Protein backbone atom coordinates (compact mmCIF):
# COMPACT_ATOMS: atom_id res chain seq x y z
CA MET A 1 1.89 100.23 63.07
CA LYS A 2 0.98 98.70 59.52
CA LYS A 3 5.01 98.67 58.67
CA LEU A 4 5.48 97.03 62.40
CA PHE A 5 2.78 94.58 61.54
CA ILE A 6 3.86 93.33 57.95
CA PHE A 7 7.62 93.12 59.62
CA LEU A 8 5.72 91.09 62.74
CA SER A 9 3.73 88.66 60.05
CA PHE A 10 7.19 87.85 58.00
CA LEU A 11 8.76 87.11 60.87
CA ILE A 12 6.61 84.39 62.20
CA ILE A 13 5.68 83.09 58.56
CA ALA A 14 10.15 82.99 58.63
CA GLY A 15 10.39 81.27 61.53
CA CYS A 16 6.86 78.35 60.66
CA LEU A 17 9.46 77.69 57.55
CA ARG A 18 12.58 76.75 59.40
CA VAL A 19 10.81 73.80 60.53
CA GLY A 20 9.70 72.56 57.17
CA ASP A 21 9.66 69.08 55.55
CA ILE A 22 12.33 67.67 54.11
CA ASP A 23 13.06 64.64 51.34
CA LEU A 24 13.41 61.35 53.56
CA SER A 25 11.62 58.49 50.61
CA GLY A 26 15.83 57.80 50.43
CA GLN A 27 17.03 57.22 53.95
CA ALA A 28 16.81 53.95 55.96
CA LEU A 29 19.61 52.17 57.95
CA TYR A 30 21.07 48.77 57.16
CA GLY A 31 18.86 49.04 54.42
CA TYR A 32 15.57 49.01 56.22
CA LYS A 33 13.20 51.96 56.15
CA PRO A 34 9.45 52.24 57.61
CA ASN A 35 6.00 51.37 55.19
CA THR A 36 8.04 47.85 54.26
CA PRO A 37 7.60 44.28 54.73
CA PHE A 38 9.72 43.65 57.69
CA GLU A 39 11.40 40.03 57.21
CA LYS A 40 12.26 39.03 60.63
CA GLU A 41 15.00 36.54 59.58
CA ARG A 42 18.68 38.21 59.84
CA ALA A 43 22.29 37.65 60.12
CA TYR A 44 22.51 38.54 63.83
CA PRO A 45 19.98 37.19 66.52
CA ILE A 46 16.80 38.35 68.83
CA VAL A 47 17.97 39.39 72.94
CA GLU A 48 14.19 40.70 73.17
CA GLU A 49 11.41 40.35 72.00
CA ILE A 50 8.43 42.84 73.42
CA ASN A 51 4.77 43.89 72.63
CA ILE A 52 4.03 47.44 72.72
CA GLY A 53 0.79 47.80 72.42
CA THR A 54 -1.02 45.64 69.18
CA ASN A 55 2.62 46.01 67.89
CA HIS A 56 6.35 44.27 68.30
CA SER A 57 9.51 45.70 69.21
CA ILE A 58 12.04 43.57 68.01
CA ARG A 59 15.80 43.76 68.85
CA TYR A 60 19.12 41.81 67.49
CA GLU A 61 22.08 41.23 68.90
CA ASP A 62 23.45 44.09 66.50
CA GLY A 63 21.88 46.81 68.24
CA ILE A 64 19.51 47.55 65.50
CA ASP A 65 15.74 47.04 67.20
CA PHE A 66 12.48 47.28 65.13
CA ILE A 67 8.83 49.01 65.73
CA VAL A 68 6.49 46.29 63.57
CA SER A 69 3.00 46.77 63.37
CA PRO A 70 0.60 43.45 63.28
CA GLU A 71 0.93 43.68 59.04
CA ASN A 72 4.17 42.95 59.65
CA ILE A 73 4.83 46.54 58.65
CA ILE A 74 8.53 47.95 59.77
CA LEU A 75 7.19 51.28 61.73
CA SER A 76 10.51 52.22 63.16
CA ILE A 77 13.99 51.92 62.55
CA GLU A 78 16.34 53.02 65.58
CA THR A 79 20.46 52.15 65.80
CA ARG A 80 22.04 53.58 69.31
CA SER A 81 25.64 54.25 70.28
CA GLU A 82 27.41 51.56 72.79
CA MET A 83 25.95 48.80 69.55
CA LYS A 84 28.05 48.80 66.64
CA PRO A 85 28.61 51.32 65.14
CA PHE A 86 26.68 52.88 62.73
CA GLU A 87 26.07 55.21 59.75
CA SER A 88 22.63 56.85 58.04
CA ARG A 89 22.57 57.12 54.06
CA ASP A 90 22.46 60.17 54.58
CA GLY A 91 26.38 59.40 55.38
CA ILE A 92 25.36 60.45 59.19
CA ARG A 93 26.84 58.37 61.86
CA GLN A 94 27.84 58.08 65.94
CA GLU A 95 29.65 60.39 67.23
CA ASP A 96 29.01 63.09 64.44
CA SER A 97 28.40 66.46 65.33
CA VAL A 98 24.87 68.10 65.09
CA ASP A 99 26.88 70.58 62.85
CA LYS A 100 27.05 67.72 60.29
CA VAL A 101 23.73 66.05 60.26
CA ILE A 102 22.65 70.13 59.92
CA GLN A 103 24.85 70.66 57.34
CA LYS A 104 23.89 67.65 55.61
CA LEU A 105 20.03 67.83 56.04
CA GLY A 106 19.65 71.66 56.88
CA LYS A 107 17.75 73.80 59.06
CA LYS A 108 14.21 72.65 58.67
CA TYR A 109 14.47 70.85 62.39
CA SER A 110 12.23 70.54 65.35
CA THR A 111 14.25 70.18 68.27
CA ARG A 112 12.77 68.89 72.39
CA ILE A 113 15.18 67.36 75.22
CA GLU A 114 14.47 63.47 75.68
CA GLN A 115 15.99 61.44 78.91
CA GLY A 116 18.69 64.11 78.76
CA ALA A 117 19.44 64.24 74.62
CA LYS A 118 18.24 67.03 72.68
CA VAL A 119 16.25 65.15 69.67
CA TYR A 120 17.38 67.16 66.77
CA THR A 121 13.66 65.55 64.12
CA TYR A 122 13.05 65.79 60.67
CA GLN A 123 9.77 65.13 58.71
CA ASP A 124 8.42 64.38 55.79
CA SER A 125 5.04 64.95 55.06
CA LYS A 126 4.79 63.74 52.08
CA ASN A 127 6.40 60.36 52.41
CA LYS A 128 5.11 59.87 55.66
CA LEU A 129 8.79 60.08 57.50
CA ILE A 130 10.52 61.10 60.53
CA GLU A 131 13.65 61.28 60.79
CA GLU A 132 15.58 61.62 64.63
CA PHE A 133 18.77 62.16 65.75
CA TRP A 134 19.45 61.61 69.57
CA THR A 135 22.11 64.19 70.50
CA VAL A 136 24.83 64.35 74.22
CA ASP A 137 27.06 67.10 73.44
CA GLY A 138 26.42 67.81 70.33
CA LYS A 139 27.14 64.38 69.18
CA VAL A 140 24.63 61.88 67.86
CA GLN A 141 24.08 59.05 69.54
CA ILE A 142 21.33 57.34 68.57
CA ILE A 143 19.77 57.52 64.79
CA ARG A 144 15.55 57.16 64.24
CA LEU A 145 14.34 56.76 61.79
CA LYS A 146 10.07 55.75 61.34
CA ALA A 147 6.48 56.28 59.84
CA LYS A 148 5.13 59.55 61.19
CA ASP A 149 1.49 59.13 62.67
CA LYS A 150 2.23 55.06 63.25
CA ILE A 151 3.84 55.18 66.21
């Protein structure tokens, strides 16, 4: 009985370790990082700007969406597949496979289904960052890099 308890404890601990932290400190999308000051002026015009509570959502013509705090700090950056091709700092691009995401970032992720997409989430508690890869049919459609616990 004691061996069974130890074995089950090991499996539970191993499962918990799978969904752990990774270092996202170097991650950026189009040179932008969460938790940094936001420069509204860009080469592309704004196509939509709305308030989300006290934060602002700003979408540019090139397909980059930002959520910005009242203090003008970037909380989230998102790119969508229907716009021009994008690439994260780790080399993951739209239409890349889930296998490539896991190969580049590892197996310390969690998943959920949202709006018909399977979302792979990596977190960095030390740097308070989260990176999400929204996938459809095993291919990346959206990459979102955001500040942890601020949205």
